[in-house]
């Protein structure tokens, strides 16, 4: 695996600023000196559908810089019921509590499809951060962006209709993956939205009849993104606008 990482780093360095070998936006933002420090410690891994990366109350042993694919953030109740409160894609990192000194996960992190990531041992990451100020700053910034996303989704799950929430969820997922088709079952969507499978089926049917999506067993294809944005609640727009606002406010150094 280390050989794969070294090859990716070489491709990164030869990309003339295009960074074609790396999908993760945080890793792409690092100066060469920090890349040279962290890349030998990264392991390129393939992720499978519904793979649990971190479980509630369990010790976090590895962090993941997602290269492609999506990870759902779930809050899990004592009775086992869960609802999604966030999404992480190639823009982010799975394992943020460790950069603030915490050892365990408060939430369940589960993949939504096959993907790839750069995995790093938590102990190694902690030792590297004092020597990688850009990486540390980018992770801290991302924690704030993810926090506002989770706050907005908590309100969304309480205040908005399932059709609006489904449209918002599809837009957020589409934003984080290549292509317009998402490998999703009604059962999984129901878990993400915190509702019944039959309710999701009705909501998906409404969006499909309006020509926004095509839904077949296990797959959702976005047909008209503009219509889907119009059908979504304001939460999607608010999350995007706040992220863009903060990114414009934050100095590069």
Foldseek 3Di string as FASTA:
>chain_A
DLVVLVVLLVCQVPVVLPSVSAQAPLLSLFDPVLCVLCSSQWDKDKDFAFDWQAAAPDFRFKKWQFRAFKKFWWQADPVGAIATLFMDASHAMGDLVLLVPDTHDRTIITTHGIGMTIMGTSVSVNVSCVVGVLSSVSSVLVVVLRVVSSVLVVVCLVPHAPLQVVLLVLVVRPVRHPAFKGQAALVVVCSHSVHDSVSSVVSVVVCVVVVQWDDDHRMIGGRDNVVSVVSHDCSSVVSVVVSVVVVVVDDSD
